[in-house]
Amino acid sequence: MYGSLVFARLRQCTPHLIHVSLGPPESRTRTTSGSVQPVFRLTTVTLHSSLTTESAKTLVHAFMNRRLDYCDSLLYGVSEELLQKLQVLQNAAARVVTGARKVDHITPVLHELHWLPVRQRIGFKLAMTVYKCLSGMAPAYLADDCVLVSSMASRRHLRSADVRKLVVWRTRTVLGARDYAVSIAVVWNSLPVELSVSVLTVATFSRHLKTHLFSCLN
């Protein structure tokens, strides 16, 4: 199964998170205490005082958000401690754009920018993948793992078969629960019925999905 091969990489996810949060080795800067800090974090004040809000937002999107989104769906199910490494980075990026102080609560700042927190971004990516798979807009190697309950004769009598729910494959291990085929089904089945059964365009589904994920933060 494609997902099993991909998610085997989660055992080595810590180096990936370090690379994303600190950048490549040549871009890292050491403090006087010897600890390593990302260049991005060290230049927060300078960037905000030198750029307009829109310019800062464009720079952050090109420089930071792309890193946060890179293979983020592979991080589904990892520990809060590991995800926090990326969340700290996103929080710093949000402060660059808005000029928010470090003591300010970050959730309203992210909401103002329409940026989902890292964990919700991962769920958003997985849900969008399922939507594209069910709509015939994804490659077969991804779509093959999106198995509708209604497509299985032994489960057609279930209520979930009428609302485009996916089959959640049984697993006995923590790593197995992070498998692509399992994670997409769990995320998709957690969505409101109106999102999973409605015939929506990509843009409309994306907008409604983001609104739903933001509402779950309140």
N, C-alpha and C. Protein backbone atom coordinates (compact mmCIF):
# COMPACT_ATOMS: atom_id res chain seq x y z
N MET A 1 0.86 -1.19 0.00
CA MET A 1 0.00 0.00 0.00
C MET A 1 0.89 1.23 0.00
N TYR A 2 0.57 2.20 -0.86
CA TYR A 2 1.38 3.41 -0.98
C TYR A 2 1.53 4.12 0.36
N GLY A 3 0.42 4.25 1.08
CA GLY A 3 0.46 4.97 2.35
C GLY A 3 1.40 4.34 3.35
N SER A 4 1.46 3.01 3.38
CA SER A 4 2.32 2.33 4.33
C SER A 4 3.78 2.64 4.06
N LEU A 5 4.14 2.71 2.77
CA LEU A 5 5.52 3.01 2.41
C LEU A 5 5.88 4.43 2.78
N VAL A 6 4.96 5.35 2.50
CA VAL A 6 5.22 6.75 2.79
C VAL A 6 5.32 7.01 4.28
N PHE A 7 4.40 6.45 5.05
CA PHE A 7 4.35 6.76 6.46
C PHE A 7 5.42 6.05 7.27
N ALA A 8 6.11 5.12 6.63
CA ALA A 8 7.27 4.53 7.31
C ALA A 8 8.32 5.60 7.57
N ARG A 9 8.29 6.67 6.79
CA ARG A 9 9.23 7.77 6.96
C ARG A 9 8.98 8.55 8.23
N LEU A 10 7.83 8.38 8.86
CA LEU A 10 7.53 9.12 10.09
C LEU A 10 8.49 8.76 11.21
N ARG A 11 9.11 7.60 11.12
CA ARG A 11 10.07 7.23 12.15
C ARG A 11 11.27 8.17 12.12
N GLN A 12 11.47 8.81 10.96
CA GLN A 12 12.58 9.73 10.82
C GLN A 12 12.08 11.16 10.66
N CYS A 13 10.91 11.48 11.24
CA CYS A 13 10.30 12.79 11.00
C CYS A 13 11.00 13.90 11.76
N THR A 14 11.71 13.58 12.85
CA THR A 14 12.37 14.63 13.62
C THR A 14 13.41 15.39 12.79
N PRO A 15 14.29 14.72 12.02
CA PRO A 15 15.22 15.48 11.18
C PRO A 15 14.49 16.40 10.21
N HIS A 16 13.37 15.96 9.66
CA HIS A 16 12.60 16.80 8.74
C HIS A 16 12.09 18.05 9.45
N LEU A 17 11.57 17.90 10.67
CA LEU A 17 11.06 19.04 11.42
C LEU A 17 12.17 20.01 11.77
N ILE A 18 13.34 19.48 12.10
CA ILE A 18 14.48 20.35 12.40
C ILE A 18 14.88 21.15 11.17
N HIS A 19 14.87 20.49 10.01
CA HIS A 19 15.24 21.16 8.77
C HIS A 19 14.25 22.27 8.45
N VAL A 20 12.95 22.02 8.68
CA VAL A 20 11.94 23.02 8.38
C VAL A 20 12.02 24.18 9.35
N SER A 21 12.16 23.88 10.66
CA SER A 21 12.11 24.93 11.67
C SER A 21 13.39 25.73 11.77
N LEU A 22 14.54 25.09 11.48
CA LEU A 22 15.80 25.80 11.59
C LEU A 22 16.41 26.16 10.25
N GLY A 23 15.90 25.52 9.18
CA GLY A 23 16.46 25.78 7.87
C GLY A 23 17.66 24.88 7.64
N PRO A 24 18.25 24.92 6.42
CA PRO A 24 19.42 24.11 6.14
C PRO A 24 20.59 24.54 7.02
N PRO A 25 21.56 23.66 7.25
CA PRO A 25 22.67 23.97 8.17
C PRO A 25 23.37 25.29 7.88
N GLU A 26 23.53 25.61 6.60
CA GLU A 26 24.28 26.82 6.26
C GLU A 26 23.55 28.11 6.63
N SER A 27 22.21 28.03 6.90
CA SER A 27 21.45 29.24 7.21
C SER A 27 21.23 29.42 8.70
N ARG A 28 21.75 28.49 9.54
CA ARG A 28 21.51 28.56 10.97
C ARG A 28 22.52 29.47 11.65
N THR A 29 22.06 30.14 12.68
CA THR A 29 22.90 31.08 13.42
C THR A 29 22.92 30.69 14.89
N ARG A 30 24.11 30.72 15.47
CA ARG A 30 24.25 30.36 16.88
C ARG A 30 24.23 31.61 17.76
N THR A 31 23.56 31.50 18.90
CA THR A 31 23.52 32.59 19.86
C THR A 31 24.77 32.54 20.73
N THR A 32 24.94 33.52 21.60
CA THR A 32 26.10 33.55 22.47
C THR A 32 26.12 32.36 23.42
N SER A 33 24.94 31.78 23.70
CA SER A 33 24.88 30.63 24.59
C SER A 33 25.14 29.32 23.86
N GLY A 34 25.29 29.41 22.53
CA GLY A 34 25.58 28.21 21.76
C GLY A 34 24.38 27.55 21.14
N SER A 35 23.16 27.99 21.49
CA SER A 35 21.95 27.39 20.92
C SER A 35 21.75 27.88 19.49
N VAL A 36 21.07 27.06 18.69
CA VAL A 36 20.85 27.39 17.29
C VAL A 36 19.48 28.03 17.12
N GLN A 37 19.43 29.15 16.41
CA GLN A 37 18.17 29.80 16.12
C GLN A 37 18.05 30.03 14.63
N PRO A 38 16.83 29.94 14.07
CA PRO A 38 16.65 30.21 12.66
C PRO A 38 16.87 31.69 12.36
N VAL A 39 17.45 31.97 11.21
CA VAL A 39 17.68 33.35 10.81
C VAL A 39 16.36 34.11 10.80
N PHE A 40 15.27 33.43 10.38
CA PHE A 40 13.96 34.07 10.30
C PHE A 40 13.56 34.66 11.65
N ARG A 41 13.77 33.93 12.71
CA ARG A 41 13.36 34.39 14.04
C ARG A 41 14.20 35.59 14.48
N LEU A 42 15.47 35.60 14.09
CA LEU A 42 16.35 36.67 14.51
C LEU A 42 16.06 37.99 13.81
N THR A 43 15.39 37.94 12.66
CA THR A 43 15.17 39.14 11.87
C THR A 43 13.73 39.61 11.90
N THR A 44 12.93 39.13 12.85
CA THR A 44 11.52 39.48 12.91
C THR A 44 11.30 40.98 13.02
N VAL A 45 11.96 41.63 13.97
CA VAL A 45 11.76 43.06 14.19
C VAL A 45 12.22 43.86 12.98
N THR A 46 13.36 43.49 12.41
CA THR A 46 13.89 44.21 11.25
C THR A 46 12.95 44.14 10.07
N LEU A 47 12.40 42.96 9.80
CA LEU A 47 11.50 42.78 8.67
C LEU A 47 10.25 43.63 8.83
N HIS A 48 9.66 43.60 10.01
CA HIS A 48 8.41 44.32 10.20
C HIS A 48 8.60 45.83 10.09
N SER A 49 9.75 46.33 10.53
CA SER A 49 9.98 47.77 10.47
C SER A 49 10.39 48.23 9.08
N SER A 50 10.82 47.30 8.22
CA SER A 50 11.32 47.67 6.90
C SER A 50 10.30 47.47 5.79
N LEU A 51 9.27 46.67 6.01
CA LEU A 51 8.34 46.31 4.94
C LEU A 51 6.92 46.74 5.27
N THR A 52 6.12 46.93 4.21
CA THR A 52 4.69 47.15 4.40
C THR A 52 4.05 45.82 4.78
N THR A 53 2.83 45.88 5.26
CA THR A 53 2.15 44.65 5.67
C THR A 53 2.01 43.67 4.52
N GLU A 54 1.61 44.17 3.35
CA GLU A 54 1.43 43.29 2.19
C GLU A 54 2.75 42.70 1.72
N SER A 55 3.82 43.52 1.76
CA SER A 55 5.14 43.02 1.36
C SER A 55 5.63 41.94 2.32
N ALA A 56 5.41 42.18 3.61
CA ALA A 56 5.81 41.19 4.61
C ALA A 56 5.03 39.89 4.44
N LYS A 57 3.74 40.03 4.13
CA LYS A 57 2.89 38.85 3.94
C LYS A 57 3.36 38.04 2.73
N THR A 58 3.72 38.74 1.64
CA THR A 58 4.21 38.06 0.45
C THR A 58 5.53 37.35 0.72
N LEU A 59 6.41 38.02 1.45
CA LEU A 59 7.72 37.44 1.77
C LEU A 59 7.57 36.20 2.65
N VAL A 60 6.71 36.31 3.66
CA VAL A 60 6.50 35.19 4.57
C VAL A 60 5.89 34.00 3.83
N HIS A 61 4.94 34.28 2.93
CA HIS A 61 4.31 33.20 2.17
C HIS A 61 5.34 32.47 1.31
N ALA A 62 6.22 33.23 0.67
CA ALA A 62 7.22 32.62 -0.22
C ALA A 62 8.30 31.90 0.56
N PHE A 63 8.70 32.49 1.69
CA PHE A 63 9.84 31.97 2.43
C PHE A 63 9.47 30.94 3.48
N MET A 64 8.33 31.16 4.16
CA MET A 64 8.00 30.34 5.32
C MET A 64 6.85 29.36 5.10
N ASN A 65 5.72 29.87 4.57
CA ASN A 65 4.54 29.00 4.43
C ASN A 65 4.82 27.82 3.52
N ARG A 66 5.65 28.03 2.53
CA ARG A 66 5.97 26.92 1.63
C ARG A 66 6.68 25.80 2.37
N ARG A 67 7.53 26.18 3.32
CA ARG A 67 8.20 25.16 4.14
C ARG A 67 7.23 24.46 5.07
N LEU A 68 6.33 25.23 5.66
CA LEU A 68 5.36 24.63 6.57
C LEU A 68 4.47 23.63 5.85
N ASP A 69 4.14 23.92 4.59
CA ASP A 69 3.23 23.06 3.83
C ASP A 69 3.92 21.88 3.17
N TYR A 70 5.25 21.89 3.11
CA TYR A 70 5.97 20.84 2.41
C TYR A 70 5.82 19.50 3.14
N CYS A 71 5.15 18.56 2.48
CA CYS A 71 4.95 17.21 3.03
C CYS A 71 4.29 17.23 4.40
N ASP A 72 3.50 18.29 4.70
CA ASP A 72 2.92 18.37 6.04
C ASP A 72 1.91 17.28 6.32
N SER A 73 1.27 16.74 5.28
CA SER A 73 0.29 15.69 5.52
C SER A 73 0.94 14.42 6.06
N LEU A 74 2.25 14.28 5.86
CA LEU A 74 2.96 13.11 6.40
C LEU A 74 3.13 13.21 7.91
N LEU A 75 2.86 14.39 8.46
CA LEU A 75 3.04 14.59 9.89
C LEU A 75 1.76 14.31 10.68
N TYR A 76 0.73 13.81 10.03
CA TYR A 76 -0.52 13.50 10.72
C TYR A 76 -0.25 12.50 11.85
N GLY A 77 -0.75 12.83 13.03
CA GLY A 77 -0.64 11.90 14.15
C GLY A 77 0.64 11.98 14.94
N VAL A 78 1.58 12.86 14.56
CA VAL A 78 2.81 12.95 15.35
C VAL A 78 2.51 13.67 16.66
N SER A 79 3.43 13.63 17.57
CA SER A 79 3.20 14.18 18.90
C SER A 79 3.06 15.70 18.87
N GLU A 80 2.39 16.21 19.90
CA GLU A 80 2.22 17.66 20.03
C GLU A 80 3.58 18.35 20.19
N GLU A 81 4.50 17.69 20.82
CA GLU A 81 5.84 18.26 21.03
C GLU A 81 6.53 18.53 19.69
N LEU A 82 6.42 17.58 18.77
CA LEU A 82 7.05 17.76 17.47
C LEU A 82 6.35 18.83 16.64
N LEU A 83 5.00 18.82 16.67
CA LEU A 83 4.27 19.82 15.90
C LEU A 83 4.51 21.23 16.45
N GLN A 84 4.75 21.32 17.74
CA GLN A 84 4.98 22.63 18.34
C GLN A 84 6.21 23.32 17.77
N LYS A 85 7.17 22.52 17.30
CA LYS A 85 8.36 23.11 16.67
C LYS A 85 7.98 23.92 15.43
N LEU A 86 7.01 23.41 14.68
CA LEU A 86 6.54 24.13 13.50
C LEU A 86 5.58 25.25 13.88
N GLN A 87 4.79 25.03 14.94
CA GLN A 87 3.83 26.05 15.36
C GLN A 87 4.54 27.31 15.84
N VAL A 88 5.65 27.13 16.53
CA VAL A 88 6.44 28.28 16.98
C VAL A 88 6.91 29.09 15.79
N LEU A 89 7.30 28.40 14.74
CA LEU A 89 7.77 29.07 13.53
C LEU A 89 6.63 29.85 12.86
N GLN A 90 5.44 29.23 12.78
CA GLN A 90 4.30 29.93 12.18
C GLN A 90 3.90 31.14 13.02
N ASN A 91 3.94 31.00 14.33
CA ASN A 91 3.59 32.12 15.20
C ASN A 91 4.53 33.30 14.98
N ALA A 92 5.82 33.01 14.82
CA ALA A 92 6.79 34.07 14.57
C ALA A 92 6.50 34.75 13.23
N ALA A 93 6.13 33.93 12.23
CA ALA A 93 5.81 34.49 10.92
C ALA A 93 4.59 35.40 10.99
N ALA A 94 3.60 35.00 11.77
CA ALA A 94 2.39 35.82 11.91
C ALA A 94 2.71 37.15 12.58
N ARG A 95 3.63 37.13 13.52
CA ARG A 95 4.00 38.38 14.20
C ARG A 95 4.78 39.30 13.28
N VAL A 96 5.54 38.71 12.35
CA VAL A 96 6.26 39.53 11.37
C VAL A 96 5.27 40.34 10.54
N VAL A 97 4.21 39.68 10.09
CA VAL A 97 3.24 40.32 9.21
C VAL A 97 2.39 41.35 9.94
N THR A 98 1.95 41.00 11.15
CA THR A 98 0.99 41.86 11.85
C THR A 98 1.62 42.83 12.84
N GLY A 99 2.86 42.56 13.22
CA GLY A 99 3.48 43.40 14.23
C GLY A 99 3.02 43.07 15.64
N ALA A 100 2.36 41.92 15.80
CA ALA A 100 1.87 41.52 17.12
C ALA A 100 3.05 41.28 18.07
N ARG A 101 2.83 41.58 19.34
CA ARG A 101 3.87 41.37 20.33
C ARG A 101 3.93 39.90 20.75
N LYS A 102 5.02 39.51 21.32
CA LYS A 102 5.20 38.12 21.73
C LYS A 102 4.21 37.74 22.82
N VAL A 103 3.75 38.72 23.61
CA VAL A 103 2.82 38.42 24.70
C VAL A 103 1.37 38.36 24.22
N ASP A 104 1.11 38.78 22.99
CA ASP A 104 -0.25 38.76 22.46
C ASP A 104 -0.68 37.33 22.17
N HIS A 105 -1.96 37.03 22.42
CA HIS A 105 -2.50 35.70 22.13
C HIS A 105 -2.46 35.48 20.62
N ILE A 106 -1.92 34.34 20.19
CA ILE A 106 -1.62 34.15 18.77
C ILE A 106 -2.82 33.70 17.94
N THR A 107 -3.82 33.04 18.55
CA THR A 107 -4.95 32.52 17.78
C THR A 107 -5.70 33.62 17.03
N PRO A 108 -6.05 34.75 17.66
CA PRO A 108 -6.72 35.82 16.91
C PRO A 108 -5.85 36.37 15.78
N VAL A 109 -4.53 36.36 16.00
CA VAL A 109 -3.61 36.86 14.97
C VAL A 109 -3.65 35.94 13.75
N LEU A 110 -3.61 34.64 13.98
CA LEU A 110 -3.68 33.68 12.87
C LEU A 110 -5.03 33.79 12.16
N HIS A 111 -6.09 33.99 12.93
CA HIS A 111 -7.42 34.11 12.34
C HIS A 111 -7.51 35.35 11.46
N GLU A 112 -6.89 36.43 11.91
CA GLU A 112 -6.88 37.67 11.12
C GLU A 112 -6.19 37.47 9.77
N LEU A 113 -5.16 36.65 9.76
CA LEU A 113 -4.42 36.37 8.53
C LEU A 113 -5.05 35.24 7.71
N HIS A 114 -6.07 34.59 8.27
CA HIS A 114 -6.70 33.41 7.65
C HIS A 114 -5.70 32.26 7.51
N TRP A 115 -4.82 32.13 8.51
CA TRP A 115 -3.85 31.04 8.55
C TRP A 115 -4.32 30.01 9.57
N LEU A 116 -4.51 28.80 9.13
CA LEU A 116 -4.82 27.72 10.05
C LEU A 116 -3.57 27.33 10.83
N PRO A 117 -3.71 26.99 12.12
CA PRO A 117 -2.56 26.46 12.86
C PRO A 117 -2.05 25.18 12.20
N VAL A 118 -0.84 24.80 12.55
CA VAL A 118 -0.17 23.69 11.85
C VAL A 118 -0.99 22.41 11.86
N ARG A 119 -1.53 22.02 13.02
CA ARG A 119 -2.29 20.77 13.08
C ARG A 119 -3.51 20.84 12.16
N GLN A 120 -4.19 21.97 12.14
CA GLN A 120 -5.37 22.12 11.27
C GLN A 120 -4.96 22.20 9.80
N ARG A 121 -3.79 22.72 9.52
CA ARG A 121 -3.29 22.76 8.13
C ARG A 121 -3.10 21.34 7.60
N ILE A 122 -2.63 20.47 8.48
CA ILE A 122 -2.44 19.07 8.08
C ILE A 122 -3.78 18.43 7.76
N GLY A 123 -4.79 18.66 8.62
CA GLY A 123 -6.12 18.13 8.36
C GLY A 123 -6.72 18.71 7.09
N PHE A 124 -6.48 20.00 6.86
CA PHE A 124 -6.97 20.66 5.65
C PHE A 124 -6.37 20.00 4.41
N LYS A 125 -5.08 19.75 4.43
CA LYS A 125 -4.40 19.12 3.29
C LYS A 125 -4.96 17.72 3.01
N LEU A 126 -5.17 16.95 4.06
CA LEU A 126 -5.69 15.59 3.88
C LEU A 126 -7.12 15.61 3.35
N ALA A 127 -7.95 16.50 3.88
CA ALA A 127 -9.34 16.59 3.43
C ALA A 127 -9.42 17.03 1.97
N MET A 128 -8.56 17.97 1.59
CA MET A 128 -8.53 18.41 0.20
C MET A 128 -8.09 17.27 -0.72
N THR A 129 -7.17 16.46 -0.23
CA THR A 129 -6.71 15.31 -1.03
C THR A 129 -7.86 14.34 -1.27
N VAL A 130 -8.65 14.06 -0.22
CA VAL A 130 -9.79 13.15 -0.37
C VAL A 130 -10.81 13.74 -1.35
N TYR A 131 -11.10 15.02 -1.20
CA TYR A 131 -12.06 15.67 -2.10
C TYR A 131 -11.63 15.49 -3.56
N LYS A 132 -10.35 15.70 -3.83
CA LYS A 132 -9.86 15.58 -5.20
C LYS A 132 -9.89 14.13 -5.67
N CYS A 133 -9.63 13.21 -4.74
CA CYS A 133 -9.69 11.78 -5.10
C CYS A 133 -11.12 11.37 -5.47
N LEU A 134 -12.08 11.80 -4.69
CA LEU A 134 -13.48 11.43 -4.94
C LEU A 134 -14.05 12.17 -6.15
N SER A 135 -13.42 13.27 -6.52
CA SER A 135 -13.89 14.05 -7.66
C SER A 135 -13.13 13.73 -8.94
N GLY A 136 -12.25 12.73 -8.88
CA GLY A 136 -11.51 12.33 -10.08
C GLY A 136 -10.41 13.28 -10.47
N MET A 137 -9.90 14.07 -9.51
CA MET A 137 -8.86 15.05 -9.82
C MET A 137 -7.50 14.67 -9.23
N ALA A 138 -7.37 13.45 -8.74
CA ALA A 138 -6.12 13.01 -8.12
C ALA A 138 -5.61 11.76 -8.84
N PRO A 139 -4.31 11.51 -8.79
CA PRO A 139 -3.76 10.31 -9.43
C PRO A 139 -4.29 9.04 -8.79
N ALA A 140 -4.27 7.96 -9.56
CA ALA A 140 -4.85 6.70 -9.11
C ALA A 140 -4.19 6.15 -7.85
N TYR A 141 -2.87 6.36 -7.70
CA TYR A 141 -2.19 5.78 -6.55
C TYR A 141 -2.66 6.41 -5.24
N LEU A 142 -3.25 7.60 -5.31
CA LEU A 142 -3.85 8.21 -4.13
C LEU A 142 -5.33 7.84 -4.02
N ALA A 143 -6.03 7.90 -5.15
CA ALA A 143 -7.47 7.64 -5.15
C ALA A 143 -7.80 6.21 -4.76
N ASP A 144 -6.92 5.28 -5.05
CA ASP A 144 -7.19 3.87 -4.74
C ASP A 144 -7.37 3.61 -3.24
N ASP A 145 -6.79 4.46 -2.42
CA ASP A 145 -6.91 4.28 -0.97
C ASP A 145 -8.14 4.95 -0.40
N CYS A 146 -8.89 5.69 -1.22
CA CYS A 146 -10.13 6.33 -0.77
C CYS A 146 -11.30 5.39 -1.08
N VAL A 147 -11.59 4.49 -0.17
CA VAL A 147 -12.61 3.47 -0.40
C VAL A 147 -13.90 3.89 0.31
N LEU A 148 -14.93 4.14 -0.46
CA LEU A 148 -16.23 4.53 0.10
C LEU A 148 -16.90 3.33 0.77
N VAL A 149 -17.57 3.58 1.88
CA VAL A 149 -18.31 2.51 2.56
C VAL A 149 -19.36 1.92 1.61
N SER A 150 -19.96 2.76 0.79
CA SER A 150 -21.01 2.31 -0.13
C SER A 150 -20.50 1.37 -1.21
N SER A 151 -19.17 1.35 -1.43
CA SER A 151 -18.61 0.49 -2.47
C SER A 151 -18.37 -0.93 -1.99
N MET A 152 -18.53 -1.16 -0.69
CA MET A 152 -18.31 -2.49 -0.14
C MET A 152 -19.65 -3.14 0.16
N ALA A 153 -19.92 -4.26 -0.47
CA ALA A 153 -21.22 -4.93 -0.35
C ALA A 153 -21.55 -5.27 1.10
N SER A 154 -20.55 -5.63 1.90
CA SER A 154 -20.79 -6.04 3.28
C SER A 154 -21.15 -4.86 4.19
N ARG A 155 -20.98 -3.63 3.68
CA ARG A 155 -21.23 -2.46 4.53
C ARG A 155 -22.29 -1.51 3.95
N ARG A 156 -22.91 -1.91 2.89
CA ARG A 156 -23.88 -1.01 2.24
C ARG A 156 -25.11 -0.75 3.10
N HIS A 157 -25.36 -1.63 4.08
CA HIS A 157 -26.53 -1.43 4.95
C HIS A 157 -26.28 -0.40 6.04
N LEU A 158 -25.02 0.01 6.21
CA LEU A 158 -24.69 0.96 7.26
C LEU A 158 -25.15 2.37 6.88
N ARG A 159 -25.48 3.14 7.89
CA ARG A 159 -25.94 4.52 7.65
C ARG A 159 -24.84 5.35 7.00
N SER A 160 -23.59 5.08 7.32
CA SER A 160 -22.48 5.85 6.76
C SER A 160 -22.34 5.65 5.26
N ALA A 161 -22.97 4.60 4.72
CA ALA A 161 -22.88 4.35 3.29
C ALA A 161 -23.67 5.40 2.49
N ASP A 162 -24.59 6.08 3.14
CA ASP A 162 -25.43 7.06 2.44
C ASP A 162 -24.84 8.47 2.46
N VAL A 163 -23.75 8.67 3.17
CA VAL A 163 -23.21 10.03 3.30
C VAL A 163 -21.74 10.11 2.88
N ARG A 164 -21.34 9.31 1.95
CA ARG A 164 -20.00 9.34 1.37
C ARG A 164 -18.89 9.28 2.43
N LYS A 165 -19.04 8.35 3.36
CA LYS A 165 -17.99 8.13 4.34
C LYS A 165 -17.00 7.12 3.78
N LEU A 166 -15.76 7.20 4.27
CA LEU A 166 -14.73 6.28 3.82
C LEU A 166 -14.55 5.14 4.82
N VAL A 167 -14.07 4.03 4.31
CA VAL A 167 -13.75 2.89 5.16
C VAL A 167 -12.49 3.20 5.95
N VAL A 168 -12.56 3.02 7.27
CA VAL A 168 -11.39 3.22 8.12
C VAL A 168 -10.78 1.84 8.39
N TRP A 169 -9.63 1.59 7.82
CA TRP A 169 -9.00 0.29 7.97
C TRP A 169 -8.49 0.09 9.40
N ARG A 170 -8.65 -1.12 9.90
CA ARG A 170 -8.23 -1.43 11.25
C ARG A 170 -6.71 -1.52 11.32
N THR A 171 -6.17 -1.03 12.42
CA THR A 171 -4.73 -1.11 12.64
C THR A 171 -4.46 -1.32 14.11
N ARG A 172 -3.38 -1.98 14.44
CA ARG A 172 -3.07 -2.29 15.83
C ARG A 172 -1.86 -1.53 16.34
N THR A 173 -1.27 -0.70 15.52
CA THR A 173 -0.07 0.00 15.94
C THR A 173 -0.27 1.51 15.80
N VAL A 174 0.55 2.27 16.54
CA VAL A 174 0.51 3.72 16.46
C VAL A 174 0.92 4.18 15.07
N LEU A 175 1.96 3.57 14.53
CA LEU A 175 2.42 3.94 13.19
C LEU A 175 1.36 3.61 12.15
N GLY A 176 0.65 2.50 12.36
CA GLY A 176 -0.39 2.12 11.42
C GLY A 176 -1.53 3.12 11.40
N ALA A 177 -1.81 3.75 12.55
CA ALA A 177 -2.87 4.76 12.62
C ALA A 177 -2.51 6.02 11.85
N ARG A 178 -1.21 6.19 11.54
CA ARG A 178 -0.77 7.35 10.77
C ARG A 178 -0.68 7.06 9.28
N ASP A 179 -0.98 5.83 8.92
CA ASP A 179 -0.94 5.43 7.52
C ASP A 179 -1.85 6.34 6.68
N TYR A 180 -1.44 6.61 5.46
CA TYR A 180 -2.20 7.49 4.57
C TYR A 180 -3.66 7.05 4.44
N ALA A 181 -3.89 5.76 4.16
CA ALA A 181 -5.25 5.27 3.95
C ALA A 181 -6.11 5.41 5.20
N VAL A 182 -5.49 5.29 6.37
CA VAL A 182 -6.22 5.42 7.63
C VAL A 182 -6.46 6.89 7.96
N SER A 183 -5.44 7.70 7.84
CA SER A 183 -5.55 9.11 8.23
C SER A 183 -6.54 9.88 7.37
N ILE A 184 -6.55 9.64 6.05
CA ILE A 184 -7.49 10.37 5.20
C ILE A 184 -8.93 10.00 5.53
N ALA A 185 -9.15 8.73 5.88
CA ALA A 185 -10.51 8.29 6.22
C ALA A 185 -10.97 8.91 7.53
N VAL A 186 -10.09 8.95 8.52
CA VAL A 186 -10.44 9.53 9.82
C VAL A 186 -10.76 11.02 9.67
N VAL A 187 -9.91 11.73 8.93
CA VAL A 187 -10.12 13.17 8.74
C VAL A 187 -11.40 13.43 7.95
N TRP A 188 -11.59 12.70 6.87
CA TRP A 188 -12.77 12.91 6.02
C TRP A 188 -14.06 12.59 6.77
N ASN A 189 -14.07 11.51 7.50
CA ASN A 189 -15.28 11.10 8.23
C ASN A 189 -15.63 12.04 9.38
N SER A 190 -14.66 12.86 9.80
CA SER A 190 -14.92 13.80 10.89
C SER A 190 -15.56 15.09 10.39
N LEU A 191 -15.64 15.27 9.07
CA LEU A 191 -16.21 16.50 8.52
C LEU A 191 -17.73 16.49 8.64
N PRO A 192 -18.34 17.67 8.70
CA PRO A 192 -19.81 17.75 8.72
C PRO A 192 -20.39 17.11 7.47
N VAL A 193 -21.57 16.58 7.59
CA VAL A 193 -22.22 15.88 6.47
C VAL A 193 -22.34 16.77 5.25
N GLU A 194 -22.66 18.06 5.46
CA GLU A 194 -22.86 18.95 4.32
C GLU A 194 -21.58 19.14 3.51
N LEU A 195 -20.43 18.95 4.13
CA LEU A 195 -19.18 19.06 3.39
C LEU A 195 -18.86 17.78 2.62
N SER A 196 -19.16 16.64 3.21
CA SER A 196 -18.79 15.37 2.58
C SER A 196 -19.77 14.91 1.51
N VAL A 197 -21.01 15.39 1.55
CA VAL A 197 -21.98 14.89 0.56
C VAL A 197 -22.33 15.92 -0.51
N SER A 198 -22.09 17.19 -0.23
CA SER A 198 -22.47 18.23 -1.19
C SER A 198 -21.56 18.21 -2.41
N VAL A 199 -22.13 18.55 -3.55
CA VAL A 199 -21.35 18.68 -4.78
C VAL A 199 -20.88 20.13 -4.85
N LEU A 200 -19.64 20.36 -4.46
CA LEU A 200 -19.08 21.70 -4.41
C LEU A 200 -17.88 21.81 -5.34
N THR A 201 -17.64 23.03 -5.80
CA THR A 201 -16.43 23.27 -6.58
C THR A 201 -15.23 23.21 -5.64
N VAL A 202 -14.03 23.11 -6.20
CA VAL A 202 -12.82 23.06 -5.38
C VAL A 202 -12.71 24.30 -4.50
N ALA A 203 -12.94 25.47 -5.11
CA ALA A 203 -12.82 26.73 -4.37
C ALA A 203 -13.84 26.82 -3.24
N THR A 204 -15.08 26.41 -3.51
CA THR A 204 -16.13 26.48 -2.50
C THR A 204 -15.87 25.49 -1.38
N PHE A 205 -15.48 24.27 -1.74
CA PHE A 205 -15.17 23.27 -0.72
C PHE A 205 -14.02 23.73 0.15
N SER A 206 -12.99 24.29 -0.47
CA SER A 206 -11.82 24.76 0.27
C SER A 206 -12.22 25.86 1.26
N ARG A 207 -13.07 26.77 0.81
CA ARG A 207 -13.49 27.88 1.67
C ARG A 207 -14.33 27.38 2.85
N HIS A 208 -15.29 26.50 2.56
CA HIS A 208 -16.13 25.95 3.62
C HIS A 208 -15.33 25.09 4.60
N LEU A 209 -14.37 24.35 4.07
CA LEU A 209 -13.53 23.50 4.91
C LEU A 209 -12.70 24.36 5.87
N LYS A 210 -12.13 25.43 5.34
CA LYS A 210 -11.32 26.31 6.17
C LYS A 210 -12.17 26.96 7.26
N THR A 211 -13.39 27.38 6.88
CA THR A 211 -14.30 27.98 7.86
C THR A 211 -14.63 26.99 8.97
N HIS A 212 -14.87 25.73 8.58
CA HIS A 212 -15.18 24.69 9.57
C HIS A 212 -14.01 24.46 10.51
N LEU A 213 -12.80 24.39 9.98
CA LEU A 213 -11.63 24.14 10.83
C LEU A 213 -11.37 25.30 11.77
N PHE A 214 -11.62 26.52 11.31
CA PHE A 214 -11.46 27.67 12.18
C PHE A 214 -12.51 27.63 13.31
N SER A 215 -13.73 27.22 12.96
CA SER A 215 -14.79 27.15 13.98
C SER A 215 -14.47 26.14 15.07
N CYS A 216 -13.70 25.11 14.72
CA CYS A 216 -13.33 24.08 15.70
C CYS A 216 -12.32 24.60 16.73
N LEU A 217 -11.70 25.74 16.42
CA LEU A 217 -10.72 26.32 17.33
C LEU A 217 -11.38 27.13 18.43
N ASN A 218 -12.64 27.55 18.20
CA ASN A 218 -13.33 28.41 19.14
C ASN A 218 -13.88 27.62 20.35
